[in-house]
N, C-alpha and C. Protein backbone atom coordinates (compact mmCIF):
# COMPACT_ATOMS: atom_id res chain seq x y z
N MET A 1 0.89 -1.14 -0.03
CA MET A 1 0.03 0.07 0.01
C MET A 1 0.88 1.27 0.03
N TYR A 2 0.52 2.19 -0.68
CA TYR A 2 1.29 3.46 -0.82
C TYR A 2 0.76 4.50 0.18
N ASP A 3 1.72 5.25 0.68
CA ASP A 3 1.30 6.19 1.75
C ASP A 3 0.91 7.60 1.25
N ASN A 4 1.47 7.82 -0.09
CA ASN A 4 1.14 9.03 -0.71
C ASN A 4 1.21 8.93 -2.21
N ALA A 5 0.83 9.96 -2.90
CA ALA A 5 0.76 9.97 -4.35
C ALA A 5 2.25 10.11 -4.84
N GLY A 6 3.11 10.79 -4.20
CA GLY A 6 4.43 10.90 -4.62
C GLY A 6 5.22 9.50 -4.67
N GLN A 7 4.95 8.79 -3.61
CA GLN A 7 5.53 7.49 -3.52
C GLN A 7 5.07 6.52 -4.71
N MET A 8 3.73 6.66 -5.04
CA MET A 8 3.26 5.80 -6.15
C MET A 8 3.80 6.33 -7.50
N MET A 9 3.88 7.66 -7.68
CA MET A 9 4.39 8.16 -8.87
C MET A 9 5.87 7.78 -9.17
N SER A 10 6.53 7.47 -8.04
CA SER A 10 7.91 7.10 -8.24
C SER A 10 8.01 5.81 -8.93
N GLU A 11 6.93 5.03 -8.91
CA GLU A 11 6.85 3.69 -9.61
C GLU A 11 6.09 3.76 -10.92
N ARG A 12 5.89 4.97 -11.44
CA ARG A 12 5.04 5.12 -12.60
C ARG A 12 5.55 4.47 -13.81
N PRO A 13 4.76 3.67 -14.46
CA PRO A 13 5.23 3.07 -15.75
C PRO A 13 5.58 4.11 -16.75
N PRO A 14 6.47 3.81 -17.71
CA PRO A 14 6.74 4.87 -18.81
C PRO A 14 5.57 5.14 -19.69
N GLY A 15 5.50 6.27 -20.29
CA GLY A 15 4.45 6.48 -21.32
C GLY A 15 3.52 7.56 -20.78
N GLY A 16 3.86 8.39 -19.67
CA GLY A 16 2.99 9.43 -19.43
C GLY A 16 2.03 8.91 -18.38
N LEU A 17 1.24 9.91 -17.71
CA LEU A 17 0.28 9.56 -16.73
C LEU A 17 -1.14 9.64 -17.22
N TRP A 18 -1.72 8.56 -17.36
CA TRP A 18 -3.22 8.44 -17.70
C TRP A 18 -3.99 8.13 -16.43
N VAL A 19 -5.01 8.80 -16.14
CA VAL A 19 -5.89 8.64 -15.03
C VAL A 19 -7.21 8.00 -15.44
N PHE A 20 -7.59 6.89 -14.82
CA PHE A 20 -8.87 6.24 -15.25
C PHE A 20 -10.08 6.70 -14.45
N ALA A 21 -11.08 7.19 -15.09
CA ALA A 21 -12.30 7.79 -14.47
C ALA A 21 -13.47 6.79 -14.79
N TYR A 22 -14.21 6.48 -13.59
CA TYR A 22 -15.34 5.64 -13.84
C TYR A 22 -16.61 6.19 -13.08
N GLY A 23 -16.45 7.32 -12.34
CA GLY A 23 -17.58 7.93 -11.56
C GLY A 23 -17.54 9.49 -11.82
N SER A 24 -17.46 10.21 -10.68
CA SER A 24 -17.48 11.66 -10.87
C SER A 24 -16.29 12.21 -11.41
N LEU A 25 -15.11 11.57 -11.46
CA LEU A 25 -13.94 11.98 -12.21
C LEU A 25 -14.24 12.25 -13.73
N ILE A 26 -15.17 11.49 -14.24
CA ILE A 26 -15.60 11.58 -15.66
C ILE A 26 -16.09 13.03 -15.89
N TRP A 27 -17.05 13.49 -15.09
CA TRP A 27 -17.62 14.88 -15.24
C TRP A 27 -17.07 15.97 -14.45
N ARG A 28 -16.31 15.65 -13.51
CA ARG A 28 -15.60 16.63 -12.64
C ARG A 28 -14.20 16.29 -12.24
N PRO A 29 -13.32 16.21 -13.25
CA PRO A 29 -12.02 15.67 -12.89
C PRO A 29 -11.21 16.57 -11.87
N GLY A 30 -11.27 17.81 -11.99
CA GLY A 30 -10.67 18.67 -11.02
C GLY A 30 -9.08 18.79 -11.18
N PHE A 31 -8.52 18.35 -12.21
CA PHE A 31 -7.11 18.47 -12.43
C PHE A 31 -6.77 18.74 -13.83
N ALA A 32 -5.62 19.27 -14.09
CA ALA A 32 -5.28 19.71 -15.51
C ALA A 32 -5.04 18.46 -16.27
N HIS A 33 -5.43 18.37 -17.47
CA HIS A 33 -5.20 17.32 -18.31
C HIS A 33 -5.13 17.80 -19.73
N VAL A 34 -4.42 17.08 -20.66
CA VAL A 34 -4.18 17.46 -22.02
C VAL A 34 -4.92 16.67 -22.98
N GLU A 35 -5.51 15.56 -22.60
CA GLU A 35 -6.19 14.65 -23.50
C GLU A 35 -7.20 13.83 -22.68
N ALA A 36 -8.34 13.43 -23.36
CA ALA A 36 -9.32 12.59 -22.74
C ALA A 36 -9.74 11.57 -23.80
N GLN A 37 -9.72 10.30 -23.37
CA GLN A 37 -10.09 9.27 -24.25
C GLN A 37 -11.08 8.24 -23.65
N PRO A 38 -12.07 7.77 -24.35
CA PRO A 38 -12.86 6.65 -23.80
C PRO A 38 -11.82 5.47 -23.52
N ALA A 39 -12.10 4.72 -22.41
CA ALA A 39 -11.17 3.77 -22.01
C ALA A 39 -11.96 2.55 -21.45
N THR A 40 -11.40 1.41 -21.48
CA THR A 40 -11.97 0.20 -20.88
C THR A 40 -10.90 -0.53 -20.04
N VAL A 41 -11.25 -0.81 -18.86
CA VAL A 41 -10.33 -1.62 -17.97
C VAL A 41 -11.08 -3.07 -17.81
N HIS A 42 -10.21 -4.07 -17.99
CA HIS A 42 -10.86 -5.43 -17.75
C HIS A 42 -10.36 -6.00 -16.56
N GLY A 43 -11.24 -6.78 -15.84
CA GLY A 43 -10.89 -7.46 -14.52
C GLY A 43 -11.65 -6.70 -13.45
N TYR A 44 -12.34 -5.51 -13.82
CA TYR A 44 -12.99 -4.78 -12.72
C TYR A 44 -14.31 -4.15 -13.42
N HIS A 45 -15.29 -3.90 -12.51
CA HIS A 45 -16.52 -3.32 -13.03
C HIS A 45 -16.91 -2.12 -12.13
N ARG A 46 -17.64 -1.22 -12.65
CA ARG A 46 -18.18 -0.14 -11.83
C ARG A 46 -19.26 -0.61 -11.00
N ALA A 47 -19.16 -0.43 -9.66
CA ALA A 47 -20.20 -0.84 -8.77
C ALA A 47 -20.51 0.10 -7.70
N LEU A 48 -21.74 0.33 -7.22
CA LEU A 48 -22.12 1.08 -6.11
C LEU A 48 -21.86 0.12 -4.89
N CYS A 49 -20.58 0.10 -4.45
CA CYS A 49 -20.17 -0.89 -3.53
C CYS A 49 -19.42 -0.26 -2.35
N ILE A 50 -19.46 1.17 -2.31
CA ILE A 50 -18.79 1.86 -1.22
C ILE A 50 -19.75 2.78 -0.48
N ARG A 51 -19.84 2.53 0.83
CA ARG A 51 -20.66 3.38 1.78
C ARG A 51 -20.03 4.71 1.86
N SER A 52 -20.79 5.81 1.44
CA SER A 52 -20.12 7.10 1.60
C SER A 52 -20.57 7.78 2.86
N ASP A 53 -19.46 8.16 3.64
CA ASP A 53 -19.66 8.91 4.89
C ASP A 53 -19.16 10.21 4.83
N VAL A 54 -18.70 10.70 3.69
CA VAL A 54 -18.19 12.08 3.57
C VAL A 54 -18.86 12.89 2.47
N TYR A 55 -18.61 12.40 1.17
CA TYR A 55 -18.88 13.10 0.01
C TYR A 55 -20.36 13.05 -0.34
N ARG A 56 -21.06 11.87 -0.14
CA ARG A 56 -22.43 11.68 -0.57
C ARG A 56 -23.26 11.01 0.60
N GLY A 57 -22.73 11.34 1.80
CA GLY A 57 -23.52 10.88 3.00
C GLY A 57 -22.74 11.28 4.20
N THR A 58 -23.24 10.81 5.42
CA THR A 58 -22.52 11.08 6.65
C THR A 58 -22.38 9.83 7.35
N PRO A 59 -21.60 9.73 8.48
CA PRO A 59 -21.60 8.49 9.19
C PRO A 59 -22.94 7.99 9.62
N ASP A 60 -23.83 8.92 10.03
CA ASP A 60 -25.15 8.63 10.56
C ASP A 60 -26.03 8.27 9.47
N VAL A 61 -25.92 8.89 8.35
CA VAL A 61 -26.99 8.69 7.26
C VAL A 61 -26.01 8.62 5.94
N PRO A 62 -25.57 7.37 5.77
CA PRO A 62 -24.58 7.18 4.66
C PRO A 62 -25.32 7.11 3.25
N GLY A 63 -24.58 7.35 2.20
CA GLY A 63 -24.99 7.23 0.82
C GLY A 63 -24.15 6.08 0.33
N LEU A 64 -24.08 6.03 -1.11
CA LEU A 64 -23.15 5.22 -1.82
C LEU A 64 -22.55 5.84 -2.87
N VAL A 65 -21.28 5.37 -3.15
CA VAL A 65 -20.51 5.87 -4.28
C VAL A 65 -19.82 4.66 -4.97
N PHE A 66 -19.36 4.98 -6.12
CA PHE A 66 -18.82 3.84 -6.99
C PHE A 66 -17.38 3.45 -6.48
N GLY A 67 -17.16 2.10 -6.82
CA GLY A 67 -15.79 1.71 -6.67
C GLY A 67 -15.54 0.76 -7.86
N LEU A 68 -14.34 0.44 -8.16
CA LEU A 68 -14.01 -0.55 -9.17
C LEU A 68 -13.93 -1.80 -8.33
N ASP A 69 -14.86 -2.67 -8.71
CA ASP A 69 -14.83 -4.02 -7.90
C ASP A 69 -14.40 -5.09 -8.93
N ARG A 70 -13.99 -6.20 -8.26
CA ARG A 70 -13.47 -7.30 -9.08
C ARG A 70 -14.47 -7.87 -10.04
N GLY A 71 -13.91 -8.33 -11.23
CA GLY A 71 -14.76 -9.02 -12.16
C GLY A 71 -15.32 -8.08 -13.24
N GLY A 72 -15.40 -8.73 -14.56
CA GLY A 72 -16.05 -7.89 -15.60
C GLY A 72 -15.10 -6.94 -16.24
N ALA A 73 -15.83 -5.88 -16.73
CA ALA A 73 -15.04 -4.76 -17.45
C ALA A 73 -15.78 -3.52 -17.13
N CYS A 74 -15.04 -2.35 -17.17
CA CYS A 74 -15.54 -1.11 -16.82
C CYS A 74 -15.17 -0.16 -18.01
N LYS A 75 -16.17 0.42 -18.54
CA LYS A 75 -15.90 1.51 -19.60
C LYS A 75 -16.07 2.90 -18.88
N GLY A 76 -15.05 3.86 -19.05
CA GLY A 76 -15.00 5.07 -18.61
C GLY A 76 -14.18 5.96 -19.43
N MET A 77 -13.49 6.85 -18.81
CA MET A 77 -12.65 7.85 -19.49
C MET A 77 -11.21 7.80 -18.82
N ALA A 78 -10.27 7.94 -19.76
CA ALA A 78 -8.92 8.23 -19.34
C ALA A 78 -8.43 9.56 -19.64
N PHE A 79 -7.81 10.28 -18.68
CA PHE A 79 -7.33 11.63 -18.90
C PHE A 79 -5.73 11.54 -18.81
N ARG A 80 -5.10 12.11 -19.80
CA ARG A 80 -3.66 12.23 -19.84
C ARG A 80 -3.20 13.48 -19.22
N VAL A 81 -2.31 13.47 -18.24
CA VAL A 81 -1.77 14.60 -17.50
C VAL A 81 -0.35 14.88 -18.07
N ALA A 82 -0.13 16.14 -18.39
CA ALA A 82 1.17 16.58 -18.92
C ALA A 82 2.18 16.33 -17.91
N ASP A 83 3.41 16.07 -18.29
CA ASP A 83 4.46 15.86 -17.28
C ASP A 83 4.64 16.88 -16.24
N ALA A 84 4.55 18.10 -16.80
CA ALA A 84 4.69 19.35 -15.86
C ALA A 84 3.59 19.41 -14.86
N ASP A 85 2.38 18.72 -14.98
CA ASP A 85 1.36 18.81 -14.15
C ASP A 85 1.11 17.58 -13.24
N VAL A 86 1.92 16.65 -13.49
CA VAL A 86 1.78 15.34 -12.68
C VAL A 86 1.70 15.53 -11.26
N GLY A 87 2.68 16.30 -10.68
CA GLY A 87 2.71 16.48 -9.20
C GLY A 87 1.49 17.06 -8.62
N ALA A 88 1.07 18.16 -9.28
CA ALA A 88 -0.15 18.85 -8.71
C ALA A 88 -1.38 17.98 -9.00
N ALA A 89 -1.49 17.36 -10.11
CA ALA A 89 -2.78 16.58 -10.42
C ALA A 89 -2.81 15.39 -9.47
N THR A 90 -1.68 14.68 -9.21
CA THR A 90 -1.72 13.47 -8.38
C THR A 90 -2.13 13.84 -7.03
N GLN A 91 -1.67 15.04 -6.47
CA GLN A 91 -1.94 15.50 -5.13
C GLN A 91 -3.44 15.79 -4.98
N VAL A 92 -3.95 16.32 -6.03
CA VAL A 92 -5.50 16.67 -5.95
C VAL A 92 -6.28 15.33 -5.95
N ILE A 93 -5.80 14.45 -6.92
CA ILE A 93 -6.60 13.12 -6.97
C ILE A 93 -6.53 12.37 -5.66
N TRP A 94 -5.22 12.32 -5.19
CA TRP A 94 -5.01 11.57 -3.97
C TRP A 94 -5.88 12.21 -2.78
N ALA A 95 -5.90 13.44 -2.67
CA ALA A 95 -6.63 14.00 -1.56
C ALA A 95 -8.15 13.77 -1.71
N ARG A 96 -8.60 13.62 -2.92
CA ARG A 96 -10.04 13.37 -3.15
C ARG A 96 -10.41 11.99 -3.02
N GLU A 97 -9.57 11.03 -3.46
CA GLU A 97 -9.97 9.61 -3.43
C GLU A 97 -9.51 8.84 -2.23
N MET A 98 -8.50 9.37 -1.47
CA MET A 98 -7.94 8.59 -0.48
C MET A 98 -8.38 9.14 1.02
N VAL A 99 -9.43 9.85 1.11
CA VAL A 99 -9.96 10.49 2.39
C VAL A 99 -10.15 9.40 3.39
N THR A 100 -10.62 8.35 3.15
CA THR A 100 -10.87 7.31 4.25
C THR A 100 -10.08 6.03 3.98
N GLY A 101 -9.33 5.88 2.84
CA GLY A 101 -8.65 4.71 2.64
C GLY A 101 -9.49 3.52 2.05
N VAL A 102 -10.56 3.83 1.53
CA VAL A 102 -11.61 2.76 0.98
C VAL A 102 -11.14 2.37 -0.42
N TYR A 103 -10.16 3.11 -1.00
CA TYR A 103 -9.68 2.63 -2.25
C TYR A 103 -8.22 2.29 -2.28
N GLN A 104 -7.86 1.37 -3.17
CA GLN A 104 -6.44 0.99 -3.31
C GLN A 104 -6.03 1.61 -4.71
N PRO A 105 -5.12 2.47 -4.79
CA PRO A 105 -4.56 3.02 -6.06
C PRO A 105 -3.74 1.94 -6.65
N ARG A 106 -4.00 1.78 -8.00
CA ARG A 106 -3.38 0.71 -8.71
C ARG A 106 -2.98 1.09 -10.10
N TRP A 107 -1.98 0.52 -10.63
CA TRP A 107 -1.65 0.63 -12.08
C TRP A 107 -2.28 -0.55 -12.79
N LEU A 108 -3.23 -0.15 -13.67
CA LEU A 108 -4.02 -1.19 -14.49
C LEU A 108 -3.86 -0.98 -15.95
N LYS A 109 -4.04 -1.99 -16.74
CA LYS A 109 -3.94 -1.95 -18.20
C LYS A 109 -5.37 -1.49 -18.62
N ALA A 110 -5.34 -0.66 -19.61
CA ALA A 110 -6.51 -0.18 -20.22
C ALA A 110 -6.44 -0.08 -21.71
N ARG A 111 -7.64 -0.18 -22.35
CA ARG A 111 -7.71 -0.03 -23.81
C ARG A 111 -8.19 1.45 -23.98
N LEU A 112 -7.41 2.27 -24.71
CA LEU A 112 -7.69 3.66 -24.90
C LEU A 112 -8.35 3.74 -26.29
N GLY A 113 -9.45 4.54 -26.47
CA GLY A 113 -10.05 4.80 -27.68
C GLY A 113 -10.91 3.56 -28.22
N THR A 114 -11.32 3.69 -29.41
CA THR A 114 -12.09 2.63 -30.05
C THR A 114 -11.69 2.29 -31.44
N GLY A 115 -12.12 1.29 -31.93
CA GLY A 115 -11.89 0.82 -33.29
C GLY A 115 -10.45 0.67 -33.61
N ALA A 116 -10.04 0.96 -34.94
CA ALA A 116 -8.62 0.61 -35.33
C ALA A 116 -7.56 1.47 -34.66
N SER A 117 -7.99 2.63 -34.06
CA SER A 117 -7.01 3.50 -33.37
C SER A 117 -6.80 3.20 -31.94
N ALA A 118 -7.61 2.15 -31.47
CA ALA A 118 -7.54 1.84 -30.07
C ALA A 118 -6.05 1.35 -29.68
N ARG A 119 -5.59 1.54 -28.53
CA ARG A 119 -4.39 1.08 -28.06
C ARG A 119 -4.37 0.75 -26.52
N GLN A 120 -3.33 -0.01 -26.16
CA GLN A 120 -3.28 -0.42 -24.76
C GLN A 120 -2.35 0.49 -24.01
N THR A 121 -2.63 0.86 -22.88
CA THR A 121 -1.68 1.63 -21.96
C THR A 121 -1.99 1.36 -20.51
N THR A 122 -1.11 1.87 -19.61
CA THR A 122 -1.35 1.67 -18.22
C THR A 122 -2.00 3.02 -17.70
N VAL A 123 -3.00 2.77 -16.76
CA VAL A 123 -3.69 3.84 -16.20
C VAL A 123 -3.62 3.87 -14.63
N TRP A 124 -3.71 4.92 -14.03
CA TRP A 124 -3.77 5.05 -12.58
C TRP A 124 -5.21 5.01 -12.24
N ALA A 125 -5.68 4.02 -11.43
CA ALA A 125 -7.04 3.77 -11.05
C ALA A 125 -7.17 3.51 -9.56
N PHE A 126 -8.34 3.69 -9.03
CA PHE A 126 -8.64 3.44 -7.58
C PHE A 126 -9.60 2.37 -7.60
N VAL A 127 -9.24 1.21 -6.91
CA VAL A 127 -9.96 0.03 -6.75
C VAL A 127 -10.50 -0.13 -5.34
N ALA A 128 -11.90 -0.70 -5.33
CA ALA A 128 -12.43 -0.81 -3.92
C ALA A 128 -11.63 -1.72 -3.10
N GLU A 129 -11.38 -1.32 -1.92
CA GLU A 129 -10.70 -2.18 -0.92
C GLU A 129 -11.58 -2.97 -0.14
N ARG A 130 -11.81 -4.24 -0.54
CA ARG A 130 -12.79 -5.12 0.05
C ARG A 130 -12.80 -5.30 1.48
N ARG A 131 -11.59 -5.16 2.13
CA ARG A 131 -11.39 -5.28 3.60
C ARG A 131 -11.77 -4.08 4.40
N HIS A 132 -12.09 -2.97 3.67
CA HIS A 132 -12.46 -1.76 4.36
C HIS A 132 -13.83 -1.74 4.89
N ASP A 133 -14.11 -1.12 6.05
CA ASP A 133 -15.48 -1.21 6.67
C ASP A 133 -16.48 -0.49 5.80
N GLN A 134 -16.14 0.41 4.79
CA GLN A 134 -17.07 1.09 4.03
C GLN A 134 -17.46 0.25 2.80
N TYR A 135 -16.67 -0.84 2.52
CA TYR A 135 -17.00 -1.57 1.33
C TYR A 135 -18.35 -2.40 1.72
N VAL A 136 -19.39 -2.40 0.87
CA VAL A 136 -20.65 -3.01 1.16
C VAL A 136 -20.81 -4.19 0.23
N GLY A 137 -20.11 -4.24 -0.81
CA GLY A 137 -20.38 -5.30 -1.87
C GLY A 137 -21.56 -5.07 -2.61
N ARG A 138 -22.15 -6.17 -3.09
CA ARG A 138 -23.45 -6.12 -3.88
C ARG A 138 -24.57 -6.09 -3.04
N LEU A 139 -25.42 -5.00 -3.10
CA LEU A 139 -26.65 -4.88 -2.23
C LEU A 139 -27.84 -5.18 -3.08
N SER A 140 -28.90 -5.46 -2.51
CA SER A 140 -30.23 -5.59 -3.18
C SER A 140 -30.54 -4.12 -3.82
N ASP A 141 -31.30 -4.19 -4.85
CA ASP A 141 -31.91 -2.96 -5.39
C ASP A 141 -32.56 -2.09 -4.30
N THR A 142 -33.44 -2.76 -3.38
CA THR A 142 -34.08 -2.04 -2.40
C THR A 142 -33.10 -1.30 -1.42
N GLU A 143 -32.13 -1.98 -0.95
CA GLU A 143 -31.11 -1.35 -0.05
C GLU A 143 -30.29 -0.29 -0.83
N THR A 144 -29.91 -0.58 -2.06
CA THR A 144 -29.21 0.38 -2.88
C THR A 144 -30.04 1.77 -2.88
N VAL A 145 -31.31 1.58 -3.36
CA VAL A 145 -32.18 2.74 -3.57
C VAL A 145 -32.37 3.53 -2.19
N ARG A 146 -32.58 2.84 -1.16
CA ARG A 146 -32.61 3.45 0.15
C ARG A 146 -31.48 4.30 0.51
N LEU A 147 -30.26 3.83 0.30
CA LEU A 147 -29.04 4.49 0.63
C LEU A 147 -28.85 5.64 -0.33
N VAL A 148 -29.23 5.48 -1.61
CA VAL A 148 -29.06 6.53 -2.62
C VAL A 148 -30.04 7.68 -2.20
N ARG A 149 -31.22 7.28 -1.90
CA ARG A 149 -32.19 8.43 -1.63
C ARG A 149 -31.79 9.19 -0.36
N GLN A 150 -31.33 8.50 0.62
CA GLN A 150 -31.05 9.18 1.90
C GLN A 150 -29.64 9.97 1.85
N GLY A 151 -28.72 9.49 1.03
CA GLY A 151 -27.34 10.11 1.02
C GLY A 151 -27.36 11.51 0.60
N GLN A 152 -26.62 12.32 1.55
CA GLN A 152 -26.38 13.65 1.25
C GLN A 152 -25.17 14.07 1.99
N GLY A 153 -24.10 14.53 1.30
CA GLY A 153 -22.78 14.75 2.08
C GLY A 153 -22.20 15.99 1.56
N GLN A 154 -20.97 16.14 1.82
CA GLN A 154 -20.18 17.44 1.46
C GLN A 154 -20.27 17.82 -0.02
N ALA A 155 -20.45 16.83 -0.89
CA ALA A 155 -20.44 17.05 -2.25
C ALA A 155 -21.88 17.13 -2.87
N GLY A 156 -22.85 16.94 -2.01
CA GLY A 156 -24.25 16.99 -2.36
C GLY A 156 -24.96 15.70 -2.33
N PRO A 157 -26.12 15.67 -2.90
CA PRO A 157 -27.05 14.38 -2.86
C PRO A 157 -26.48 13.30 -3.61
N CYS A 158 -26.59 12.05 -3.05
CA CYS A 158 -26.15 10.88 -3.74
C CYS A 158 -26.84 10.71 -5.07
N LEU A 159 -28.11 10.86 -5.14
CA LEU A 159 -28.93 10.76 -6.36
C LEU A 159 -28.33 11.62 -7.49
N GLU A 160 -27.96 12.84 -7.08
CA GLU A 160 -27.40 13.81 -8.07
C GLU A 160 -26.12 13.21 -8.60
N TYR A 161 -25.31 12.63 -7.71
CA TYR A 161 -24.02 11.89 -8.20
C TYR A 161 -24.30 10.83 -9.24
N LEU A 162 -25.26 10.01 -8.96
CA LEU A 162 -25.72 8.96 -9.95
C LEU A 162 -26.23 9.70 -11.28
N VAL A 163 -27.10 10.50 -11.04
CA VAL A 163 -27.66 11.12 -12.37
C VAL A 163 -26.63 11.77 -13.14
N ASN A 164 -25.63 12.48 -12.61
CA ASN A 164 -24.69 13.07 -13.40
C ASN A 164 -23.70 12.12 -13.95
N THR A 165 -23.40 11.09 -13.25
CA THR A 165 -22.50 9.99 -13.80
C THR A 165 -23.19 9.31 -15.01
N LEU A 166 -24.62 8.91 -14.83
CA LEU A 166 -25.37 8.36 -15.91
C LEU A 166 -25.45 9.25 -17.17
N ALA A 167 -25.68 10.52 -16.98
CA ALA A 167 -25.91 11.43 -18.12
C ALA A 167 -24.44 11.54 -18.78
N HIS A 168 -23.43 11.65 -18.14
CA HIS A 168 -22.08 11.81 -18.75
C HIS A 168 -21.79 10.52 -19.53
N LEU A 169 -22.00 9.42 -18.97
CA LEU A 169 -21.76 8.07 -19.50
C LEU A 169 -22.52 7.95 -20.85
N ASP A 170 -23.83 8.23 -20.68
CA ASP A 170 -24.74 8.31 -21.99
C ASP A 170 -24.23 9.15 -23.04
N GLY A 171 -23.77 10.34 -22.59
CA GLY A 171 -23.21 11.24 -23.57
C GLY A 171 -21.96 10.88 -24.33
N LEU A 172 -21.18 9.94 -23.67
CA LEU A 172 -19.99 9.41 -24.17
C LEU A 172 -20.39 8.17 -25.03
N GLY A 173 -21.64 7.67 -24.99
CA GLY A 173 -22.05 6.46 -25.63
C GLY A 173 -21.69 5.24 -24.87
N LEU A 174 -21.46 5.37 -23.54
CA LEU A 174 -21.00 4.36 -22.59
C LEU A 174 -22.22 3.95 -21.74
N HIS A 175 -23.16 3.25 -22.20
CA HIS A 175 -24.46 2.96 -21.57
C HIS A 175 -24.14 2.00 -20.34
N ASP A 176 -24.84 2.28 -19.33
CA ASP A 176 -24.65 1.43 -18.06
C ASP A 176 -26.17 1.09 -17.72
N ALA A 177 -26.65 -0.06 -18.07
CA ALA A 177 -28.06 -0.39 -17.88
C ALA A 177 -28.27 -0.57 -16.38
N GLY A 178 -27.44 -1.13 -15.60
CA GLY A 178 -27.68 -1.33 -14.16
C GLY A 178 -27.82 -0.04 -13.50
N LEU A 179 -26.89 0.93 -13.87
CA LEU A 179 -26.94 2.27 -13.23
C LEU A 179 -28.25 2.95 -13.56
N ALA A 180 -28.67 2.91 -14.95
CA ALA A 180 -29.87 3.50 -15.29
C ALA A 180 -31.12 2.98 -14.63
N ARG A 181 -31.08 1.60 -14.22
CA ARG A 181 -32.16 1.03 -13.55
C ARG A 181 -32.35 1.61 -12.03
N ILE A 182 -31.14 1.71 -11.37
CA ILE A 182 -31.05 2.32 -10.00
C ILE A 182 -31.55 3.75 -10.03
N VAL A 183 -31.07 4.53 -10.98
CA VAL A 183 -31.59 5.97 -11.05
C VAL A 183 -33.03 6.03 -11.26
N ARG A 184 -33.61 5.23 -12.09
CA ARG A 184 -35.00 5.25 -12.37
C ARG A 184 -35.84 4.91 -11.08
N LEU A 185 -35.30 3.79 -10.38
CA LEU A 185 -35.91 3.35 -9.10
C LEU A 185 -35.77 4.48 -8.01
N ALA A 186 -34.64 5.09 -7.90
CA ALA A 186 -34.35 6.05 -6.82
C ALA A 186 -35.14 7.39 -7.20
N ALA A 187 -35.44 7.70 -8.32
CA ALA A 187 -36.02 8.97 -8.69
C ALA A 187 -37.51 8.83 -8.65
N LYS A 188 -38.08 7.61 -8.46
CA LYS A 188 -39.50 7.48 -8.32
C LYS A 188 -40.01 8.08 -6.96
N PRO A 189 -41.24 8.76 -7.04
CA PRO A 189 -41.73 9.31 -5.70
C PRO A 189 -42.00 8.27 -4.70
């Protein structure tokens, strides 16, 4: 486990820094980047598997946020950070993603782009830490909807987070039927 972004960047693979986004980083990266490409990571999927006690909930009234969980594949975005911006960008991302230690930062292989121009590269991604007490795994739709409806944290309502993520995924042509179903259920009166 890495203690800080600088330590992890010291082991950065060659080829520049690409950051993999699968949730709010897609629509609110918050760091300087020079390129964005659709990307797919195999071996992990986007899952509402993290209880949110800060950004989309509180310890007393938690919400849910996404994690990369084992199995399947995840379509998202990869952002390339210019070498001159790596230090600042990684500090911003680390501060945002490592608040409670529920994620494990990892170097993963990803397919960038689509069609004949697609290529393989290494991306920096944040994977759900299954041993962390905020990891909830796969919940029933009923429990997921309950947590989504009640979640309100420092970054706003949990449902807003899901709606924004779904809209941006759809806008990129990256449809997530499971997320669309949860948003429909949670938005019902």
